Amino acid sequence: MKWVPGVQTALTYERSWLWPDLIAGLVLTALLVPQGMAYAELAGLPAVTGLYTTVAGLVAYAIFGPSRILVLGPDSSLAPLIAAAIIPLAAGDDAYAVALAAMLALLVGVVCVITGLVRLGTITELLSKPVRIGYINGIALIVLVSQLPKLFGFSTDADGFIDAIGQFVAGLLDGDTNWVAFALGAGSLVIIFGSRRINPKVPGVLIATILSIAAVALFDLVEEGISVVGSLPEGFPSLALPSVAWDDMMPLTLAAIGIALVAFADTAALSTTFAAKLGDDVDANQEIIALGTANLAAGLVRGFPLSASSSRTSVADSMGTKSQ
């Protein structure tokens, strides 16, 4: 059971865990669906590939992951790296971009699994607590700034943290705000934070998502400039190895090594931080192997590289989740 912690958890599952796990699952679904599609588009891929990546990654980590609370999926820190790796090679071919991203995920998975098997995951023990906390807070600031324009109903094309702030302020001064979008976003935030003050167990994110969908449908807010994803392909892709030109393998491999390092840094920092909070012990080598298997699973279903997320894991923690 050492290599498949999820099987051990399933065999010893307690009945009292079902309700908090169910609530956490529903709330996380409300987060993971739009986030997965958004990060797919940020990486230059069709939105539906974000759903494939999310599902495959969650299932694989549930089996191989040592943390009972960590949530894996498409991530904002990886999306720009993925785009930089595949867009030049795809040359405008959307189908080939999907194949490149899938191969990139497979290569990231191989790098992570090999690293874990040779027991190099122990290097994460050198990360001090202040470094881990600072890293997580840094990610939170970057995500906050990147999402502010969307809250106000416009988009920016920033390159870096400072540039993102500057373009956001410029957009406000230029009158780019869509007040309908702002009302929808601000109302959702009021519901989320208000529910936490009333009772941390109330799934404010889920409530806000359902009400937002209802508002867009009932009041036809698309006509007011609210963007929606639209129709997505039905079903789930069959497992398959992506077809990529041999000449593209070397640049993809180099990109995979860099992305694996970033993904492992994200995952290791979050895993050790939440393990310390919950009083759990997490094997760093098993953690990187689990990250690798999640990326391998994503690659086989036409997904893209993924890692852990502080925001989604924090939601799982606040909902009282007990297991993967």
C-alpha atoms as a PDB file:
ATOM      1  CA  MET A   1       0.000   0.000   0.000  1.00  0.00           C
ATOM      2  CA  LYS A   2       3.033   2.301   0.189  1.00  0.00           C
ATOM      3  CA  TRP A   3       2.805   3.172  -3.500  1.00  0.00           C
ATOM      4  CA  VAL A   4      -0.980   3.566  -3.576  1.00  0.00           C
ATOM      5  CA  PRO A   5      -2.016   5.478  -0.416  1.00  0.00           C
ATOM      6  CA  GLY A   6      -5.453   6.074  -1.882  1.00  0.00           C
ATOM      7  CA  VAL A   7      -6.246   2.365  -1.811  1.00  0.00           C
ATOM      8  CA  GLN A   8      -5.356   2.197   1.884  1.00  0.00           C
ATOM      9  CA  THR A   9      -7.572   5.205   2.562  1.00  0.00           C
ATOM     10  CA  ALA A  10     -10.457   3.599   0.685  1.00  0.00           C
ATOM     11  CA  LEU A  11     -10.117   0.382   2.678  1.00  0.00           C
ATOM     12  CA  THR A  12     -10.154   2.278   5.996  1.00  0.00           C
ATOM     13  CA  TYR A  13     -12.709   4.932   5.005  1.00  0.00           C
ATOM     14  CA  GLU A  14     -14.900   6.105   7.872  1.00  0.00           C
ATOM     15  CA  ARG A  15     -18.602   6.701   7.413  1.00  0.00           C
ATOM     16  CA  SER A  16     -18.427  10.066   9.201  1.00  0.00           C
ATOM     17  CA  TRP A  17     -16.139  11.390   6.446  1.00  0.00           C
ATOM     18  CA  LEU A  18     -18.768  11.096   3.710  1.00  0.00           C
ATOM     19  CA  TRP A  19     -20.720  14.298   4.366  1.00  0.00           C
ATOM     20  CA  PRO A  20     -17.728  16.706   4.587  1.00  0.00           C
ATOM     21  CA  ASP A  21     -16.136  14.991   1.572  1.00  0.00           C
ATOM     22  CA  LEU A  22     -19.377  15.355  -0.396  1.00  0.00           C
ATOM     23  CA  ILE A  23     -19.711  19.057   0.423  1.00  0.00           C
ATOM     24  CA  ALA A  24     -16.045  19.699  -0.375  1.00  0.00           C
ATOM     25  CA  GLY A  25     -16.424  17.820  -3.657  1.00  0.00           C
ATOM     26  CA  LEU A  26     -19.406  19.908  -4.718  1.00  0.00           C
ATOM     27  CA  VAL A  27     -17.713  23.185  -3.782  1.00  0.00           C
ATOM     28  CA  LEU A  28     -14.458  22.234  -5.503  1.00  0.00           C
ATOM     29  CA  THR A  29     -16.374  21.274  -8.639  1.00  0.00           C
ATOM     30  CA  ALA A  30     -17.788  24.795  -8.709  1.00  0.00           C
ATOM     31  CA  LEU A  31     -14.198  26.085  -8.658  1.00  0.00           C
ATOM     32  CA  LEU A  32     -12.424  23.507 -10.788  1.00  0.00           C
ATOM     33  CA  VAL A  33     -14.721  23.596 -13.816  1.00  0.00           C
ATOM     34  CA  PRO A  34     -14.371  27.316 -14.643  1.00  0.00           C
ATOM     35  CA  GLN A  35     -10.735  27.447 -13.494  1.00  0.00           C
ATOM     36  CA  GLY A  36      -9.747  24.457 -15.587  1.00  0.00           C
ATOM     37  CA  MET A  37     -11.302  25.925 -18.724  1.00  0.00           C
ATOM     38  CA  ALA A  38      -9.828  29.367 -18.073  1.00  0.00           C
ATOM     39  CA  TYR A  39      -6.282  28.047 -17.587  1.00  0.00           C
ATOM     40  CA  ALA A  40      -6.619  25.923 -20.726  1.00  0.00           C
ATOM     41  CA  GLU A  41      -7.391  29.007 -22.779  1.00  0.00           C
ATOM     42  CA  LEU A  42      -4.573  30.876 -21.049  1.00  0.00           C
ATOM     43  CA  ALA A  43      -2.241  28.106 -22.228  1.00  0.00           C
ATOM     44  CA  GLY A  44      -3.505  28.504 -25.805  1.00  0.00           C
ATOM     45  CA  LEU A  45      -5.686  25.379 -25.780  1.00  0.00           C
ATOM     46  CA  PRO A  46      -9.414  24.604 -26.179  1.00  0.00           C
ATOM     47  CA  ALA A  47     -11.358  25.116 -22.952  1.00  0.00           C
ATOM     48  CA  VAL A  48     -12.509  21.487 -22.794  1.00  0.00           C
ATOM     49  CA  THR A  49      -8.920  20.254 -22.367  1.00  0.00           C
ATOM     50  CA  GLY A  50      -8.981  21.915 -18.953  1.00  0.00           C
ATOM     51  CA  LEU A  51     -11.804  19.598 -17.914  1.00  0.00           C
ATOM     52  CA  TYR A  52      -9.942  16.527 -19.178  1.00  0.00           C
ATOM     53  CA  THR A  53      -6.840  17.597 -17.257  1.00  0.00           C
ATOM     54  CA  THR A  54      -8.783  18.281 -14.066  1.00  0.00           C
ATOM     55  CA  VAL A  55     -10.605  14.951 -13.963  1.00  0.00           C
ATOM     56  CA  ALA A  56      -7.598  12.809 -14.910  1.00  0.00           C
ATOM     57  CA  GLY A  57      -5.311  14.586 -12.454  1.00  0.00           C
ATOM     58  CA  LEU A  58      -7.735  14.302  -9.544  1.00  0.00           C
ATOM     59  CA  VAL A  59      -8.336  10.585 -10.105  1.00  0.00           C
ATOM     60  CA  ALA A  60      -4.632   9.756 -10.449  1.00  0.00           C
ATOM     61  CA  TYR A  61      -3.664  11.757  -7.366  1.00  0.00           C
ATOM     62  CA  ALA A  62      -6.479  10.198  -5.344  1.00  0.00           C
ATOM     63  CA  ILE A  63      -4.814   6.823  -5.925  1.00  0.00           C
ATOM     64  CA  PHE A  64      -1.127   7.702  -5.669  1.00  0.00           C
ATOM     65  CA  GLY A  65      -1.108  10.927  -3.627  1.00  0.00           C
ATOM     66  CA  PRO A  66       0.086  10.863   0.005  1.00  0.00           C
ATOM     67  CA  SER A  67      -1.767  14.029   1.033  1.00  0.00           C
ATOM     68  CA  ARG A  68      -5.420  13.609   1.979  1.00  0.00           C
ATOM     69  CA  ILE A  69      -6.205  17.265   1.272  1.00  0.00           C
ATOM     70  CA  LEU A  70      -4.017  18.498  -1.607  1.00  0.00           C
ATOM     71  CA  VAL A  71      -5.954  19.423  -4.773  1.00  0.00           C
ATOM     72  CA  LEU A  72      -4.236  19.078  -8.152  1.00  0.00           C
ATOM     73  CA  GLY A  73      -5.332  20.599 -11.440  1.00  0.00           C
ATOM     74  CA  PRO A  74      -4.553  23.219 -14.102  1.00  0.00           C
ATOM     75  CA  ASP A  75      -2.594  26.056 -12.556  1.00  0.00           C
ATOM     76  CA  SER A  76      -1.978  29.742 -13.289  1.00  0.00           C
ATOM     77  CA  SER A  77       1.762  29.417 -12.682  1.00  0.00           C
ATOM     78  CA  LEU A  78       2.103  26.741 -15.375  1.00  0.00           C
ATOM     79  CA  ALA A  79      -0.240  28.095 -18.061  1.00  0.00           C
ATOM     80  CA  PRO A  80       2.162  30.768 -19.399  1.00  0.00           C
ATOM     81  CA  LEU A  81       5.012  28.230 -19.465  1.00  0.00           C
ATOM     82  CA  ILE A  82       2.857  25.762 -21.399  1.00  0.00           C
ATOM     83  CA  ALA A  83       1.845  28.440 -23.886  1.00  0.00           C
ATOM     84  CA  ALA A  84       5.469  29.490 -24.402  1.00  0.00           C
ATOM     85  CA  ALA A  85       6.435  25.873 -25.104  1.00  0.00           C
ATOM     86  CA  ILE A  86       3.672  24.823 -27.507  1.00  0.00           C
ATOM     87  CA  ILE A  87       2.459  27.914 -29.395  1.00  0.00           C
ATOM     88  CA  PRO A  88       5.679  28.431 -31.435  1.00  0.00           C
ATOM     89  CA  LEU A  89       5.739  24.730 -32.369  1.00  0.00           C
ATOM     90  CA  ALA A  90       2.012  24.534 -33.198  1.00  0.00           C
ATOM     91  CA  ALA A  91       2.214  27.396 -35.727  1.00  0.00           C
ATOM     92  CA  GLY A  92      -1.509  28.088 -35.522  1.00  0.00           C
ATOM     93  CA  ASP A  93      -2.649  24.445 -35.741  1.00  0.00           C
ATOM     94  CA  ASP A  94      -5.064  23.982 -32.821  1.00  0.00           C
ATOM     95  CA  ALA A  95      -5.179  20.186 -33.094  1.00  0.00           C
ATOM     96  CA  TYR A  96      -1.396  19.950 -33.074  1.00  0.00           C
ATOM     97  CA  ALA A  97      -1.244  22.330 -30.100  1.00  0.00           C
ATOM     98  CA  VAL A  98      -3.401  19.860 -28.153  1.00  0.00           C
ATOM     99  CA  ALA A  99      -1.057  17.010 -29.113  1.00  0.00           C
ATOM    100  CA  LEU A 100       1.994  19.041 -28.083  1.00  0.00           C
ATOM    101  CA  ALA A 101       0.439  19.907 -24.718  1.00  0.00           C
ATOM    102  CA  ALA A 102      -0.458  16.261 -24.110  1.00  0.00           C
ATOM    103  CA  MET A 103       3.088  15.140 -24.916  1.00  0.00           C
ATOM    104  CA  LEU A 104       4.413  17.893 -22.649  1.00  0.00           C
ATOM    105  CA  ALA A 105       2.283  16.530 -19.796  1.00  0.00           C
ATOM    106  CA  LEU A 106       3.614  13.010 -20.425  1.00  0.00           C
ATOM    107  CA  LEU A 107       7.203  14.256 -20.369  1.00  0.00           C
ATOM    108  CA  VAL A 108       6.590  16.212 -17.150  1.00  0.00           C
ATOM    109  CA  GLY A 109       5.122  13.040 -15.669  1.00  0.00           C
ATOM    110  CA  VAL A 110       8.156  10.983 -16.648  1.00  0.00           C
ATOM    111  CA  VAL A 111      10.543  13.557 -15.157  1.00  0.00           C
ATOM    112  CA  CYS A 112       8.602  13.626 -11.879  1.00  0.00           C
ATOM    113  CA  VAL A 113       8.268   9.851 -11.557  1.00  0.00           C
ATOM    114  CA  ILE A 114      11.988   9.299 -12.211  1.00  0.00           C
ATOM    115  CA  THR A 115      12.889  12.017  -9.718  1.00  0.00           C
ATOM    116  CA  GLY A 116      10.725  10.365  -7.065  1.00  0.00           C
ATOM    117  CA  LEU A 117      12.025   6.864  -7.754  1.00  0.00           C
ATOM    118  CA  VAL A 118      15.645   7.969  -7.326  1.00  0.00           C
ATOM    119  CA  ARG A 119      14.523   9.676  -4.095  1.00  0.00           C
ATOM    120  CA  LEU A 120      15.452  13.239  -4.985  1.00  0.00           C
ATOM    121  CA  GLY A 121      12.158  14.494  -3.566  1.00  0.00           C
ATOM    122  CA  THR A 122      13.823  14.861  -0.179  1.00  0.00           C
ATOM    123  CA  ILE A 123      15.315  18.182  -1.344  1.00  0.00           C
ATOM    124  CA  THR A 124      11.996  19.737  -0.331  1.00  0.00           C
ATOM    125  CA  GLU A 125      12.979  19.201   3.297  1.00  0.00           C
ATOM    126  CA  LEU A 126      15.448  22.049   2.797  1.00  0.00           C
ATOM    127  CA  LEU A 127      12.539  24.469   2.295  1.00  0.00           C
ATOM    128  CA  SER A 128      12.059  26.391   5.529  1.00  0.00           C
ATOM    129  CA  LYS A 129       8.631  27.375   6.817  1.00  0.00           C
ATOM    130  CA  PRO A 130       9.113  31.126   6.069  1.00  0.00           C
ATOM    131  CA  VAL A 131      10.055  30.242   2.483  1.00  0.00           C
ATOM    132  CA  ARG A 132       6.957  28.068   2.069  1.00  0.00           C
ATOM    133  CA  ILE A 133       4.638  30.693   3.546  1.00  0.00           C
ATOM    134  CA  GLY A 134       6.209  33.444   1.468  1.00  0.00           C
ATOM    135  CA  TYR A 135       5.877  31.364  -1.671  1.00  0.00           C
ATOM    136  CA  ILE A 136       2.186  30.666  -1.075  1.00  0.00           C
ATOM    137  CA  ASN A 137       1.457  34.325  -0.301  1.00  0.00           C
ATOM    138  CA  GLY A 138       3.335  35.356  -3.432  1.00  0.00           C
ATOM    139  CA  ILE A 139       1.180  33.069  -5.558  1.00  0.00           C
ATOM    140  CA  ALA A 140      -1.938  34.513  -3.913  1.00  0.00           C
ATOM    141  CA  LEU A 141      -0.886  38.082  -4.787  1.00  0.00           C
ATOM    142  CA  ILE A 142      -0.142  37.186  -8.398  1.00  0.00           C
ATOM    143  CA  VAL A 143      -3.502  35.449  -8.823  1.00  0.00           C
ATOM    144  CA  LEU A 144      -5.329  38.352  -7.151  1.00  0.00           C
ATOM    145  CA  VAL A 145      -3.788  40.955  -9.441  1.00  0.00           C
ATOM    146  CA  SER A 146      -4.333  38.828 -12.549  1.00  0.00           C
ATOM    147  CA  GLN A 147      -8.047  38.423 -11.771  1.00  0.00           C
ATOM    148  CA  LEU A 148      -8.843  42.050 -10.916  1.00  0.00           C
ATOM    149  CA  PRO A 149      -9.441  43.127 -14.540  1.00  0.00           C
ATOM    150  CA  LYS A 150     -11.904  40.269 -15.009  1.00  0.00           C
ATOM    151  CA  LEU A 151     -13.787  41.370 -11.901  1.00  0.00           C
ATOM    152  CA  PHE A 152     -14.257  44.770 -13.549  1.00  0.00           C
ATOM    153  CA  GLY A 153     -15.263  43.276 -16.878  1.00  0.00           C
ATOM    154  CA  PHE A 154     -12.245  43.931 -19.080  1.00  0.00           C
ATOM    155  CA  SER A 155      -9.023  42.191 -20.039  1.00  0.00           C
ATOM    156  CA  THR A 156      -5.350  43.142 -20.112  1.00  0.00           C
ATOM    157  CA  ASP A 157      -2.251  41.758 -21.797  1.00  0.00           C
ATOM    158  CA  ALA A 158       0.258  42.317 -19.021  1.00  0.00           C
ATOM    159  CA  ASP A 159       3.778  40.951 -18.842  1.00  0.00           C
ATOM    160  CA  GLY A 160       4.655  40.626 -15.177  1.00  0.00           C
ATOM    161  CA  PHE A 161       3.244  41.639 -11.803  1.00  0.00           C
ATOM    162  CA  ILE A 162       3.982  45.382 -11.944  1.00  0.00           C
ATOM    163  CA  ASP A 163       2.780  45.667 -15.537  1.00  0.00           C
ATOM    164  CA  ALA A 164      -0.459  43.898 -14.547  1.00  0.00           C
ATOM    165  CA  ILE A 165      -1.122  46.499 -11.856  1.00  0.00           C
ATOM    166  CA  GLY A 166      -0.356  49.335 -14.261  1.00  0.00           C
ATOM    167  CA  GLN A 167      -2.642  48.019 -16.983  1.00  0.00           C
ATOM    168  CA  PHE A 168      -5.447  47.403 -14.501  1.00  0.00           C
ATOM    169  CA  VAL A 169      -5.275  50.987 -13.222  1.00  0.00           C
ATOM    170  CA  ALA A 170      -5.096  52.277 -16.799  1.00  0.00           C
ATOM    171  CA  GLY A 171      -8.197  50.278 -17.700  1.00  0.00           C
ATOM    172  CA  LEU A 172     -10.109  51.776 -14.781  1.00  0.00           C
ATOM    173  CA  LEU A 173      -9.064  55.322 -15.734  1.00  0.00           C
ATOM    174  CA  ASP A 174     -10.002  54.736 -19.382  1.00  0.00           C
ATOM    175  CA  GLY A 175     -13.514  53.723 -18.383  1.00  0.00           C
ATOM    176  CA  ASP A 176     -13.238  50.085 -19.522  1.00  0.00           C
ATOM    177  CA  THR A 177     -15.279  48.799 -16.571  1.00  0.00           C
ATOM    178  CA  ASN A 178     -18.342  46.723 -17.392  1.00  0.00           C
ATOM    179  CA  TRP A 179     -20.597  47.471 -14.448  1.00  0.00           C
ATOM    180  CA  VAL A 180     -22.815  44.441 -15.033  1.00  0.00           C
ATOM    181  CA  ALA A 181     -19.772  42.173 -14.824  1.00  0.00           C
ATOM    182  CA  PHE A 182     -18.580  44.027 -11.739  1.00  0.00           C
ATOM    183  CA  ALA A 183     -21.980  43.646 -10.044  1.00  0.00           C
ATOM    184  CA  LEU A 184     -21.955  39.920 -10.808  1.00  0.00           C
ATOM    185  CA  GLY A 185     -18.402  39.475  -9.492  1.00  0.00           C
ATOM    186  CA  ALA A 186     -18.823  41.718  -6.454  1.00  0.00           C
ATOM    187  CA  GLY A 187     -22.089  40.008  -5.536  1.00  0.00           C
ATOM    188  CA  SER A 188     -20.364  36.631  -5.707  1.00  0.00           C
ATOM    189  CA  LEU A 189     -17.586  37.858  -3.403  1.00  0.00           C
ATOM    190  CA  VAL A 190     -20.149  39.174  -0.913  1.00  0.00           C
ATOM    191  CA  ILE A 191     -21.841  35.758  -0.854  1.00  0.00           C
ATOM    192  CA  ILE A 192     -18.530  33.897  -0.458  1.00  0.00           C
ATOM    193  CA  PHE A 193     -17.067  36.049   2.307  1.00  0.00           C
ATOM    194  CA  GLY A 194     -20.429  36.634   3.974  1.00  0.00           C
ATOM    195  CA  SER A 195     -21.096  32.903   4.223  1.00  0.00           C
ATOM    196  CA  ARG A 196     -17.678  32.376   5.822  1.00  0.00           C
ATOM    197  CA  ARG A 197     -18.458  34.948   8.517  1.00  0.00           C
ATOM    198  CA  ILE A 198     -21.824  33.363   9.223  1.00  0.00           C
ATOM    199  CA  ASN A 199     -20.603  29.766   9.162  1.00  0.00           C
ATOM    200  CA  PRO A 200     -17.319  28.525   7.617  1.00  0.00           C
ATOM    201  CA  LYS A 201     -19.040  25.267   6.691  1.00  0.00           C
ATOM    202  CA  VAL A 202     -21.556  27.001   4.394  1.00  0.00           C
ATOM    203  CA  PRO A 203     -20.420  26.397   0.765  1.00  0.00           C
ATOM    204  CA  GLY A 204     -20.427  30.033  -0.313  1.00  0.00           C
ATOM    205  CA  VAL A 205     -18.473  29.321  -3.506  1.00  0.00           C
ATOM    206  CA  LEU A 206     -21.045  26.763  -4.624  1.00  0.00           C
ATOM    207  CA  ILE A 207     -23.940  29.102  -3.810  1.00  0.00           C
ATOM    208  CA  ALA A 208     -22.307  32.007  -5.655  1.00  0.00           C
ATOM    209  CA  THR A 209     -21.642  29.862  -8.723  1.00  0.00           C
ATOM    210  CA  ILE A 210     -25.214  28.570  -8.922  1.00  0.00           C
ATOM    211  CA  LEU A 211     -26.704  32.053  -8.473  1.00  0.00           C
ATOM    212  CA  SER A 212     -24.335  33.533 -11.066  1.00  0.00           C
ATOM    213  CA  ILE A 213     -25.306  30.911 -13.641  1.00  0.00           C
ATOM    214  CA  ALA A 214     -28.984  31.542 -12.894  1.00  0.00           C
ATOM    215  CA  ALA A 215     -28.548  35.314 -13.222  1.00  0.00           C
ATOM    216  CA  VAL A 216     -26.794  35.029 -16.596  1.00  0.00           C
ATOM    217  CA  ALA A 217     -29.530  32.721 -17.911  1.00  0.00           C
ATOM    218  CA  LEU A 218     -32.562  34.542 -16.498  1.00  0.00           C
ATOM    219  CA  PHE A 219     -31.500  38.088 -17.390  1.00  0.00           C
ATOM    220  CA  ASP A 220     -29.683  37.238 -20.642  1.00  0.00           C
ATOM    221  CA  LEU A 221     -26.526  38.914 -19.400  1.00  0.00           C
ATOM    222  CA  VAL A 222     -24.604  37.799 -22.484  1.00  0.00           C
ATOM    223  CA  GLU A 223     -26.264  40.752 -24.203  1.00  0.00           C
ATOM    224  CA  GLU A 224     -24.718  42.964 -21.515  1.00  0.00           C
ATOM    225  CA  GLY A 225     -21.191  41.864 -22.334  1.00  0.00           C
ATOM    226  CA  ILE A 226     -20.869  38.870 -19.982  1.00  0.00           C
ATOM    227  CA  SER A 227     -18.780  36.230 -21.766  1.00  0.00           C
ATOM    228  CA  VAL A 228     -19.754  32.566 -21.546  1.00  0.00           C
ATOM    229  CA  VAL A 229     -17.871  29.463 -22.669  1.00  0.00           C
ATOM    230  CA  GLY A 230     -20.643  28.092 -24.877  1.00  0.00           C
ATOM    231  CA  SER A 231     -21.079  24.485 -25.989  1.00  0.00           C
ATOM    232  CA  LEU A 232     -18.373  21.912 -25.241  1.00  0.00           C
ATOM    233  CA  PRO A 233     -17.753  18.504 -26.864  1.00  0.00           C
ATOM    234  CA  GLU A 234     -19.612  15.669 -25.186  1.00  0.00           C
ATOM    235  CA  GLY A 235     -17.963  12.639 -23.628  1.00  0.00           C
ATOM    236  CA  PHE A 236     -14.418  11.899 -22.551  1.00  0.00           C
ATOM    237  CA  PRO A 237     -11.505  11.139 -24.891  1.00  0.00           C
ATOM    238  CA  SER A 238     -10.133   7.620 -25.052  1.00  0.00           C
ATOM    239  CA  LEU A 239      -6.646   6.964 -23.706  1.00  0.00           C
ATOM    240  CA  ALA A 240      -4.042   7.511 -26.421  1.00  0.00           C
ATOM    241  CA  LEU A 241      -0.461   8.608 -26.962  1.00  0.00           C
ATOM    242  CA  PRO A 242      -0.254  11.985 -28.743  1.00  0.00           C
ATOM    243  CA  SER A 243       1.398  12.105 -32.162  1.00  0.00           C
ATOM    244  CA  VAL A 244       4.199  14.676 -32.202  1.00  0.00           C
ATOM    245  CA  ALA A 245       6.964  15.283 -34.734  1.00  0.00           C
ATOM    246  CA  TRP A 246      10.322  13.941 -33.613  1.00  0.00           C
ATOM    247  CA  ASP A 247      11.989  17.317 -34.221  1.00  0.00           C
ATOM    248  CA  ASP A 248       9.701  18.864 -31.590  1.00  0.00           C
ATOM    249  CA  MET A 249      10.622  16.381 -28.871  1.00  0.00           C
ATOM    250  CA  MET A 250      13.847  18.088 -27.787  1.00  0.00           C
ATOM    251  CA  PRO A 251      12.302  21.552 -27.160  1.00  0.00           C
ATOM    252  CA  LEU A 252       9.370  19.857 -25.442  1.00  0.00           C
ATOM    253  CA  THR A 253      11.710  17.848 -23.204  1.00  0.00           C
ATOM    254  CA  LEU A 254      13.625  20.952 -22.144  1.00  0.00           C
ATOM    255  CA  ALA A 255      10.355  22.745 -21.417  1.00  0.00           C
ATOM    256  CA  ALA A 256       9.096  19.697 -19.493  1.00  0.00           C
ATOM    257  CA  ILE A 257      12.098  19.786 -17.155  1.00  0.00           C
ATOM    258  CA  GLY A 258      11.450  23.438 -16.307  1.00  0.00           C
ATOM    259  CA  ILE A 259       7.714  22.928 -15.871  1.00  0.00           C
ATOM    260  CA  ALA A 260       8.331  19.860 -13.682  1.00  0.00           C
ATOM    261  CA  LEU A 261      10.540  21.935 -11.377  1.00  0.00           C
ATOM    262  CA  VAL A 262       7.881  24.646 -11.044  1.00  0.00           C
ATOM    263  CA  ALA A 263       5.083  22.098 -10.543  1.00  0.00           C
ATOM    264  CA  PHE A 264       7.045  20.206  -7.922  1.00  0.00           C
ATOM    265  CA  ALA A 265       7.936  23.415  -6.093  1.00  0.00           C
ATOM    266  CA  ASP A 266       4.236  24.341  -5.969  1.00  0.00           C
ATOM    267  CA  THR A 267       3.148  20.884  -4.875  1.00  0.00           C
ATOM    268  CA  ALA A 268       5.925  20.332  -2.329  1.00  0.00           C
ATOM    269  CA  ALA A 269       5.441  23.720  -0.665  1.00  0.00           C
ATOM    270  CA  LEU A 270       1.689  23.224  -0.329  1.00  0.00           C
ATOM    271  CA  SER A 271       1.949  19.608   0.736  1.00  0.00           C
ATOM    272  CA  THR A 272       4.406  20.285   3.556  1.00  0.00           C
ATOM    273  CA  THR A 273       2.530  23.401   4.690  1.00  0.00           C
ATOM    274  CA  PHE A 274      -0.844  21.669   4.985  1.00  0.00           C
ATOM    275  CA  ALA A 275       0.736  18.501   6.409  1.00  0.00           C
ATOM    276  CA  ALA A 276       2.214  20.575   9.221  1.00  0.00           C
ATOM    277  CA  LYS A 277      -1.156  22.229   9.835  1.00  0.00           C
ATOM    278  CA  LEU A 278      -3.016  18.912   9.989  1.00  0.00           C
ATOM    279  CA  GLY A 279      -0.299  17.011  11.840  1.00  0.00           C
ATOM    280  CA  ASP A 280       0.256  14.598   8.955  1.00  0.00           C
ATOM    281  CA  ASP A 281       3.445  13.084   7.589  1.00  0.00           C
ATOM    282  CA  VAL A 282       3.990  13.310   3.839  1.00  0.00           C
ATOM    283  CA  ASP A 283       6.661  11.408   1.913  1.00  0.00           C
ATOM    284  CA  ALA A 284       8.231  13.917  -0.487  1.00  0.00           C
ATOM    285  CA  ASN A 285       9.298  11.183  -2.910  1.00  0.00           C
ATOM    286  CA  GLN A 286       5.803   9.701  -3.012  1.00  0.00           C
ATOM    287  CA  GLU A 287       4.469  13.221  -3.507  1.00  0.00           C
ATOM    288  CA  ILE A 288       6.515  13.803  -6.651  1.00  0.00           C
ATOM    289  CA  ILE A 289       5.643  10.326  -7.953  1.00  0.00           C
ATOM    290  CA  ALA A 290       1.950  11.137  -7.451  1.00  0.00           C
ATOM    291  CA  LEU A 291       2.430  14.440  -9.259  1.00  0.00           C
ATOM    292  CA  GLY A 292       4.068  12.506 -12.076  1.00  0.00           C
ATOM    293  CA  THR A 293       1.258   9.975 -12.375  1.00  0.00           C
ATOM    294  CA  ALA A 294      -1.302  12.814 -12.429  1.00  0.00           C
ATOM    295  CA  ASN A 295       0.547  14.428 -15.342  1.00  0.00           C
ATOM    296  CA  LEU A 296       0.832  11.088 -17.127  1.00  0.00           C
ATOM    297  CA  ALA A 297      -2.916  10.589 -16.773  1.00  0.00           C
ATOM    298  CA  ALA A 298      -3.581  14.106 -18.088  1.00  0.00           C
ATOM    299  CA  GLY A 299      -1.339  13.516 -21.092  1.00  0.00           C
ATOM    300  CA  LEU A 300      -3.147  10.319 -22.038  1.00  0.00           C
ATOM    301  CA  VAL A 301      -6.518  12.119 -22.232  1.00  0.00           C
ATOM    302  CA  ARG A 302      -5.298  15.087 -24.300  1.00  0.00           C
ATOM    303  CA  GLY A 303      -4.732  17.296 -21.274  1.00  0.00           C
ATOM    304  CA  PHE A 304      -1.760  19.439 -20.282  1.00  0.00           C
ATOM    305  CA  PRO A 305       0.696  19.734 -17.337  1.00  0.00           C
ATOM    306  CA  LEU A 306      -0.795  20.384 -13.905  1.00  0.00           C
ATOM    307  CA  SER A 307       0.261  20.959 -10.311  1.00  0.00           C
ATOM    308  CA  ALA A 308      -1.212  21.690  -6.889  1.00  0.00           C
ATOM    309  CA  SER A 309      -3.139  24.863  -6.110  1.00  0.00           C
ATOM    310  CA  SER A 310      -3.108  26.826  -2.874  1.00  0.00           C
ATOM    311  CA  SER A 311      -6.544  28.377  -3.466  1.00  0.00           C
ATOM    312  CA  ARG A 312      -8.291  25.091  -4.231  1.00  0.00           C
ATOM    313  CA  THR A 313      -6.522  23.251  -1.415  1.00  0.00           C
ATOM    314  CA  SER A 314      -7.494  26.021   1.005  1.00  0.00           C
ATOM    315  CA  VAL A 315     -11.128  25.605  -0.055  1.00  0.00           C
ATOM    316  CA  ALA A 316     -10.930  21.859   0.543  1.00  0.00           C
ATOM    317  CA  ASP A 317      -9.440  22.519   3.964  1.00  0.00           C
ATOM    318  CA  SER A 318     -12.089  25.096   4.894  1.00  0.00           C
ATOM    319  CA  MET A 319     -14.840  22.658   3.880  1.00  0.00           C
ATOM    320  CA  GLY A 320     -13.409  20.065   6.259  1.00  0.00           C
ATOM    321  CA  THR A 321     -12.539  17.442   3.646  1.00  0.00           C
ATOM    322  CA  LYS A 322     -11.261  14.167   5.084  1.00  0.00           C
ATOM    323  CA  SER A 323      -9.875  12.333   2.065  1.00  0.00           C
ATOM    324  CA  GLN A 324      -9.107  12.492  -1.635  1.00  0.00           C
END
